[in-house]
C-alpha atoms as a PDB file:
ATOM      1  CA  MET A   1      -7.181   2.715 -29.125  1.00  0.00           C
ATOM      2  CA  LEU A   2      -3.721   3.447 -30.487  1.00  0.00           C
ATOM      3  CA  ILE A   3      -2.834   3.494 -34.184  1.00  0.00           C
ATOM      4  CA  ALA A   4      -0.305   1.035 -35.610  1.00  0.00           C
ATOM      5  CA  ASN A   5       1.187   3.243 -38.327  1.00  0.00           C
ATOM      6  CA  HIS A   6       1.015   6.853 -39.515  1.00  0.00           C
ATOM      7  CA  SER A   7       2.701   6.931 -42.923  1.00  0.00           C
ATOM      8  CA  GLY A   8       1.617   3.582 -44.343  1.00  0.00           C
ATOM      9  CA  LYS A   9       5.274   2.676 -44.907  1.00  0.00           C
ATOM     10  CA  LEU A  10       6.554  -0.655 -43.616  1.00  0.00           C
ATOM     11  CA  LEU A  11       9.806   0.810 -42.269  1.00  0.00           C
ATOM     12  CA  GLU A  12       8.203   3.546 -40.181  1.00  0.00           C
ATOM     13  CA  VAL A  13      10.264   3.995 -37.004  1.00  0.00           C
ATOM     14  CA  GLY A  14       8.636   5.084 -33.760  1.00  0.00           C
ATOM     15  CA  LEU A  15      10.971   7.175 -31.594  1.00  0.00           C
ATOM     16  CA  ASP A  16      10.787   8.250 -27.969  1.00  0.00           C
ATOM     17  CA  GLU A  17      13.145   9.050 -25.110  1.00  0.00           C
ATOM     18  CA  ALA A  18      13.344   8.611 -21.349  1.00  0.00           C
ATOM     19  CA  GLY A  19      15.144  10.640 -18.717  1.00  0.00           C
ATOM     20  CA  ARG A  20      15.002  14.190 -20.041  1.00  0.00           C
ATOM     21  CA  GLY A  21      14.072  15.666 -16.670  1.00  0.00           C
ATOM     22  CA  CYS A  22      16.561  13.702 -14.576  1.00  0.00           C
ATOM     23  CA  LEU A  23      19.457  15.185 -12.620  1.00  0.00           C
ATOM     24  CA  ALA A  24      21.653  12.122 -13.186  1.00  0.00           C
ATOM     25  CA  GLY A  25      22.217   9.389 -15.726  1.00  0.00           C
ATOM     26  CA  PRO A  26      22.009   9.373 -19.523  1.00  0.00           C
ATOM     27  CA  VAL A  27      19.052  10.238 -21.691  1.00  0.00           C
ATOM     28  CA  VAL A  28      17.927   7.071 -23.474  1.00  0.00           C
ATOM     29  CA  ALA A  29      15.966   6.665 -26.711  1.00  0.00           C
ATOM     30  CA  GLY A  30      14.125   3.741 -28.197  1.00  0.00           C
ATOM     31  CA  ALA A  31      13.500   3.117 -31.895  1.00  0.00           C
ATOM     32  CA  VAL A  32      10.911   0.537 -32.957  1.00  0.00           C
ATOM     33  CA  VAL A  33       9.488  -0.767 -36.238  1.00  0.00           C
ATOM     34  CA  LEU A  34       6.281  -2.744 -35.708  1.00  0.00           C
ATOM     35  CA  PRO A  35       4.200  -4.746 -38.196  1.00  0.00           C
ATOM     36  CA  LEU A  36       1.656  -2.586 -40.044  1.00  0.00           C
ATOM     37  CA  ASP A  37      -1.263  -4.432 -38.438  1.00  0.00           C
ATOM     38  CA  TYR A  38       0.196  -4.564 -34.916  1.00  0.00           C
ATOM     39  CA  SER A  39      -2.067  -4.052 -31.906  1.00  0.00           C
ATOM     40  CA  HIS A  40      -1.922  -4.835 -28.210  1.00  0.00           C
ATOM     41  CA  PRO A  41      -4.596  -4.163 -25.560  1.00  0.00           C
ATOM     42  CA  LEU A  42      -2.124  -2.981 -22.910  1.00  0.00           C
ATOM     43  CA  LEU A  43       0.487  -1.081 -24.914  1.00  0.00           C
ATOM     44  CA  THR A  44       0.466   2.679 -24.299  1.00  0.00           C
ATOM     45  CA  ASP A  45       2.615   5.480 -22.859  1.00  0.00           C
ATOM     46  CA  SER A  46       5.144   3.865 -20.487  1.00  0.00           C
ATOM     47  CA  LYS A  47       4.349   6.454 -17.793  1.00  0.00           C
ATOM     48  CA  LEU A  48       0.796   5.106 -17.545  1.00  0.00           C
ATOM     49  CA  LEU A  49       1.925   1.544 -16.836  1.00  0.00           C
ATOM     50  CA  THR A  50       3.266  -0.250 -13.782  1.00  0.00           C
ATOM     51  CA  ALA A  51       6.835  -1.522 -13.702  1.00  0.00           C
ATOM     52  CA  LYS A  52       5.555  -5.092 -14.038  1.00  0.00           C
ATOM     53  CA  GLN A  53       3.445  -4.176 -17.079  1.00  0.00           C
ATOM     54  CA  ARG A  54       6.402  -2.425 -18.692  1.00  0.00           C
ATOM     55  CA  GLU A  55       8.576  -5.509 -18.242  1.00  0.00           C
ATOM     56  CA  GLN A  56       5.909  -7.745 -19.763  1.00  0.00           C
ATOM     57  CA  LEU A  57       5.542  -5.399 -22.721  1.00  0.00           C
ATOM     58  CA  ARG A  58       9.291  -5.095 -23.127  1.00  0.00           C
ATOM     59  CA  GLU A  59       9.508  -8.836 -23.759  1.00  0.00           C
ATOM     60  CA  GLU A  60       6.563  -8.651 -26.162  1.00  0.00           C
ATOM     61  CA  ILE A  61       8.069  -5.749 -28.116  1.00  0.00           C
ATOM     62  CA  CYS A  62      11.505  -7.348 -28.408  1.00  0.00           C
ATOM     63  CA  ARG A  63       9.831 -10.522 -29.677  1.00  0.00           C
ATOM     64  CA  GLU A  64       7.257  -9.005 -32.059  1.00  0.00           C
ATOM     65  CA  ALA A  65       8.993  -5.888 -33.440  1.00  0.00           C
ATOM     66  CA  ILE A  66      10.455  -6.121 -36.932  1.00  0.00           C
ATOM     67  CA  TYR A  67      13.389  -4.007 -35.739  1.00  0.00           C
ATOM     68  CA  TRP A  68      14.191  -2.350 -32.424  1.00  0.00           C
ATOM     69  CA  ALA A  69      17.121  -0.573 -30.774  1.00  0.00           C
ATOM     70  CA  VAL A  70      18.023   1.483 -27.709  1.00  0.00           C
ATOM     71  CA  ALA A  71      20.752   4.140 -27.458  1.00  0.00           C
ATOM     72  CA  GLU A  72      22.162   6.473 -24.799  1.00  0.00           C
ATOM     73  CA  VAL A  73      23.668   9.949 -24.585  1.00  0.00           C
ATOM     74  CA  SER A  74      25.885  10.457 -21.536  1.00  0.00           C
ATOM     75  CA  PRO A  75      25.567  13.152 -18.842  1.00  0.00           C
ATOM     76  CA  GLN A  76      28.805  14.712 -20.117  1.00  0.00           C
ATOM     77  CA  GLU A  77      27.381  14.981 -23.636  1.00  0.00           C
ATOM     78  CA  ILE A  78      24.151  16.414 -22.235  1.00  0.00           C
ATOM     79  CA  ASP A  79      26.177  19.122 -20.474  1.00  0.00           C
ATOM     80  CA  GLU A  80      27.975  19.930 -23.736  1.00  0.00           C
ATOM     81  CA  ILE A  81      25.041  20.113 -26.158  1.00  0.00           C
ATOM     82  CA  ASN A  82      21.997  20.595 -23.819  1.00  0.00           C
ATOM     83  CA  ILE A  83      19.250  18.120 -23.032  1.00  0.00           C
ATOM     84  CA  LEU A  84      17.052  18.892 -26.049  1.00  0.00           C
ATOM     85  CA  ASN A  85      19.827  18.233 -28.554  1.00  0.00           C
ATOM     86  CA  ALA A  86      20.939  15.220 -26.512  1.00  0.00           C
ATOM     87  CA  SER A  87      17.426  13.768 -26.783  1.00  0.00           C
ATOM     88  CA  PHE A  88      17.528  14.158 -30.552  1.00  0.00           C
ATOM     89  CA  LEU A  89      21.021  12.646 -30.670  1.00  0.00           C
ATOM     90  CA  ALA A  90      19.862   9.628 -28.673  1.00  0.00           C
ATOM     91  CA  MET A  91      17.029   9.108 -31.173  1.00  0.00           C
ATOM     92  CA  HIS A  92      19.480   9.400 -34.077  1.00  0.00           C
ATOM     93  CA  ARG A  93      21.799   6.861 -32.457  1.00  0.00           C
ATOM     94  CA  ALA A  94      18.945   4.430 -31.837  1.00  0.00           C
ATOM     95  CA  THR A  95      17.889   4.774 -35.483  1.00  0.00           C
ATOM     96  CA  ASP A  96      21.485   4.137 -36.584  1.00  0.00           C
ATOM     97  CA  LEU A  97      21.501   0.901 -34.588  1.00  0.00           C
ATOM     98  CA  LEU A  98      18.517  -0.474 -36.520  1.00  0.00           C
ATOM     99  CA  ASN A  99      20.867  -1.080 -39.476  1.00  0.00           C
ATOM    100  CA  ILE A 100      18.120  -0.356 -41.987  1.00  0.00           C
ATOM    101  CA  ALA A 101      17.226   2.541 -44.255  1.00  0.00           C
ATOM    102  CA  PRO A 102      14.128   3.894 -42.479  1.00  0.00           C
ATOM    103  CA  GLU A 103      11.356   5.171 -44.718  1.00  0.00           C
ATOM    104  CA  TYR A 104       9.703   7.427 -42.152  1.00  0.00           C
ATOM    105  CA  LEU A 105      10.264   8.586 -38.554  1.00  0.00           C
ATOM    106  CA  LEU A 106       7.413   9.132 -36.124  1.00  0.00           C
ATOM    107  CA  VAL A 107       8.715  11.175 -33.191  1.00  0.00           C
ATOM    108  CA  ASP A 108       7.142  11.798 -29.799  1.00  0.00           C
ATOM    109  CA  GLY A 109       6.960  15.520 -29.015  1.00  0.00           C
ATOM    110  CA  ASN A 110       6.818  18.719 -31.034  1.00  0.00           C
ATOM    111  CA  ARG A 111      10.425  19.180 -32.204  1.00  0.00           C
ATOM    112  CA  PHE A 112      13.132  17.090 -33.843  1.00  0.00           C
ATOM    113  CA  ASN A 113      16.435  17.529 -35.659  1.00  0.00           C
ATOM    114  CA  PRO A 114      16.031  15.870 -39.085  1.00  0.00           C
ATOM    115  CA  TYR A 115      17.737  12.518 -39.499  1.00  0.00           C
ATOM    116  CA  LYS A 116      19.615  12.371 -42.820  1.00  0.00           C
ATOM    117  CA  GLU A 117      17.055  12.787 -45.617  1.00  0.00           C
ATOM    118  CA  VAL A 118      14.342  10.716 -43.951  1.00  0.00           C
ATOM    119  CA  PRO A 119      10.902  12.363 -43.707  1.00  0.00           C
ATOM    120  CA  HIS A 120       9.488  12.638 -40.206  1.00  0.00           C
ATOM    121  CA  ALA A 121       6.478  13.812 -38.246  1.00  0.00           C
ATOM    122  CA  CYS A 122       6.372  15.032 -34.647  1.00  0.00           C
ATOM    123  CA  MET A 123       3.420  13.861 -32.583  1.00  0.00           C
ATOM    124  CA  VAL A 124       2.510  15.566 -29.310  1.00  0.00           C
ATOM    125  CA  LYS A 125       1.643  12.837 -26.791  1.00  0.00           C
ATOM    126  CA  GLY A 126       2.542  10.356 -29.513  1.00  0.00           C
ATOM    127  CA  ASP A 127       3.291   7.655 -26.951  1.00  0.00           C
ATOM    128  CA  SER A 128      -0.424   7.471 -26.129  1.00  0.00           C
ATOM    129  CA  ARG A 129      -1.488   7.647 -29.807  1.00  0.00           C
ATOM    130  CA  PHE A 130       0.800   5.337 -31.783  1.00  0.00           C
ATOM    131  CA  TYR A 131       1.921   1.814 -30.955  1.00  0.00           C
ATOM    132  CA  ASN A 132       5.434   2.241 -32.356  1.00  0.00           C
ATOM    133  CA  ILE A 133       6.112   5.355 -30.261  1.00  0.00           C
ATOM    134  CA  ALA A 134       4.627   3.695 -27.174  1.00  0.00           C
ATOM    135  CA  ALA A 135       6.875   0.678 -27.774  1.00  0.00           C
ATOM    136  CA  ALA A 136       9.900   2.954 -28.103  1.00  0.00           C
ATOM    137  CA  SER A 137       8.975   4.688 -24.840  1.00  0.00           C
ATOM    138  CA  ILE A 138       8.818   1.353 -23.015  1.00  0.00           C
ATOM    139  CA  LEU A 139      12.165   0.129 -24.336  1.00  0.00           C
ATOM    140  CA  ALA A 140      13.796   3.452 -23.411  1.00  0.00           C
ATOM    141  CA  LYS A 141      12.218   3.569 -19.944  1.00  0.00           C
ATOM    142  CA  THR A 142      12.985  -0.038 -18.977  1.00  0.00           C
ATOM    143  CA  HIS A 143      16.566   0.173 -20.286  1.00  0.00           C
ATOM    144  CA  ARG A 144      17.176   3.374 -18.356  1.00  0.00           C
ATOM    145  CA  ASP A 145      15.579   2.111 -15.149  1.00  0.00           C
ATOM    146  CA  ASP A 146      17.790  -0.996 -15.265  1.00  0.00           C
ATOM    147  CA  LEU A 147      20.859   1.173 -15.782  1.00  0.00           C
ATOM    148  CA  MET A 148      20.030   3.470 -12.859  1.00  0.00           C
ATOM    149  CA  CYS A 149      19.395   0.468 -10.601  1.00  0.00           C
ATOM    150  CA  ALA A 150      22.827  -0.868 -11.508  1.00  0.00           C
ATOM    151  CA  LEU A 151      24.445   2.507 -10.773  1.00  0.00           C
ATOM    152  CA  ALA A 152      22.596   2.636  -7.441  1.00  0.00           C
ATOM    153  CA  ALA A 153      24.662  -0.318  -6.258  1.00  0.00           C
ATOM    154  CA  THR A 154      27.763   1.897  -6.510  1.00  0.00           C
ATOM    155  CA  TYR A 155      26.057   5.092  -5.302  1.00  0.00           C
ATOM    156  CA  PRO A 156      23.388   3.868  -2.843  1.00  0.00           C
ATOM    157  CA  GLN A 157      22.987   7.192  -1.066  1.00  0.00           C
ATOM    158  CA  TYR A 158      21.157   8.749  -4.050  1.00  0.00           C
ATOM    159  CA  LYS A 159      18.375   6.106  -4.125  1.00  0.00           C
ATOM    160  CA  TRP A 160      18.494   5.843  -7.925  1.00  0.00           C
ATOM    161  CA  GLU A 161      16.853   2.431  -7.750  1.00  0.00           C
ATOM    162  CA  GLN A 162      13.768   4.324  -6.525  1.00  0.00           C
ATOM    163  CA  ASN A 163      13.940   7.718  -8.266  1.00  0.00           C
ATOM    164  CA  ALA A 164      15.882   6.791 -11.460  1.00  0.00           C
ATOM    165  CA  GLY A 165      17.789  10.070 -11.162  1.00  0.00           C
ATOM    166  CA  TYR A 166      14.746  12.363 -11.106  1.00  0.00           C
ATOM    167  CA  PRO A 167      14.780  15.407  -8.784  1.00  0.00           C
ATOM    168  CA  THR A 168      13.037  13.869  -5.791  1.00  0.00           C
ATOM    169  CA  LYS A 169      13.475  15.219  -2.281  1.00  0.00           C
ATOM    170  CA  ALA A 170      15.640  12.224  -1.331  1.00  0.00           C
ATOM    171  CA  HIS A 171      17.868  12.690  -4.381  1.00  0.00           C
ATOM    172  CA  ARG A 172      18.397  16.391  -3.704  1.00  0.00           C
ATOM    173  CA  ASN A 173      19.041  15.743  -0.028  1.00  0.00           C
ATOM    174  CA  ALA A 174      21.768  13.281  -1.027  1.00  0.00           C
ATOM    175  CA  ILE A 175      23.329  15.886  -3.341  1.00  0.00           C
ATOM    176  CA  ARG A 176      23.365  18.361  -0.441  1.00  0.00           C
ATOM    177  CA  GLU A 177      25.060  15.839   1.828  1.00  0.00           C
ATOM    178  CA  HIS A 178      27.377  13.968  -0.538  1.00  0.00           C
ATOM    179  CA  GLY A 179      27.852  16.278  -3.529  1.00  0.00           C
ATOM    180  CA  THR A 180      27.722  15.085  -7.133  1.00  0.00           C
ATOM    181  CA  THR A 181      28.946  11.977  -8.958  1.00  0.00           C
ATOM    182  CA  PRO A 182      30.344  11.519 -12.486  1.00  0.00           C
ATOM    183  CA  HIS A 183      26.778  10.596 -13.478  1.00  0.00           C
ATOM    184  CA  HIS A 184      25.189  13.918 -12.515  1.00  0.00           C
ATOM    185  CA  ARG A 185      24.315  16.500 -15.147  1.00  0.00           C
ATOM    186  CA  LEU A 186      26.263  19.509 -13.964  1.00  0.00           C
ATOM    187  CA  SER A 187      24.488  21.878 -16.367  1.00  0.00           C
ATOM    188  CA  PHE A 188      21.181  21.149 -14.596  1.00  0.00           C
ATOM    189  CA  LYS A 189      19.872  22.975 -11.540  1.00  0.00           C
ATOM    190  CA  LEU A 190      20.743  20.257  -9.057  1.00  0.00           C
ATOM    191  CA  LEU A 191      19.656  22.368  -6.070  1.00  0.00           C
ATOM    192  CA  PRO A 192      17.427  25.470  -5.811  1.00  0.00           C
ATOM    193  CA  ASP A 193      19.197  28.747  -6.602  1.00  0.00           C
ATOM    194  CA  ALA A 194      19.206  29.993  -3.003  1.00  0.00           C
ATOM    195  CA  GLU A 195      20.971  26.870  -1.794  1.00  0.00           C
ATOM    196  CA  VAL A 196      23.529  27.011  -4.594  1.00  0.00           C
ATOM    197  CA  SER A 197      24.358  30.642  -3.694  1.00  0.00           C
ATOM    198  CA  ILE A 198      24.870  29.732  -0.028  1.00  0.00           C
ATOM    199  CA  LEU A 199      27.121  26.796  -0.958  1.00  0.00           C
ATOM    200  CA  GLU A 200      29.201  29.023  -3.242  1.00  0.00           C
ATOM    201  CA  GLU A 201      29.694  31.550  -0.440  1.00  0.00           C
ATOM    202  CA  ILE A 202      30.827  28.785   1.945  1.00  0.00           C
ATOM    203  CA  LEU A 203      33.264  27.385  -0.608  1.00  0.00           C
END
């Protein structure tokens, strides 16, 4: 059973991101404030749910949350500041979009760049322990999946509607055959080192 709130403060914001390990697309963060007594029998870490369950919960969260927001950090920004800092920036941007003065931030993971003067706590596997973090993970995941499906219409060869930009065999095969797009993270290891060395020699 997940916990509704950690700090006891009404404006406690749950924060989580989606897409850190992807080769393409933005990293996306969700920020959610839920009622202090909130509970839901299905709500948990988005990775443990089916796509249909996530969509059902997305509607529930958007309806029942006191405040919610989703924000992105682009592949170009990821390349400039690295994926860890980009994840923190996405969380900061999502918090900015709430248009409130948060009293406390509850962050999935073990590290975070402080947001203004707001106290925070990092929670390892927080998306399977706290409802507000789980809700943030679902909003981030569903938003990002929708975005990658839309991009797949323009770049069908990469199968982003199936892999969401993660380093699957099909995605890497498409990079080998077609090269990169403006949505790829060029600072990431898009292909194994041996293949990159061979390509450099050819070029």
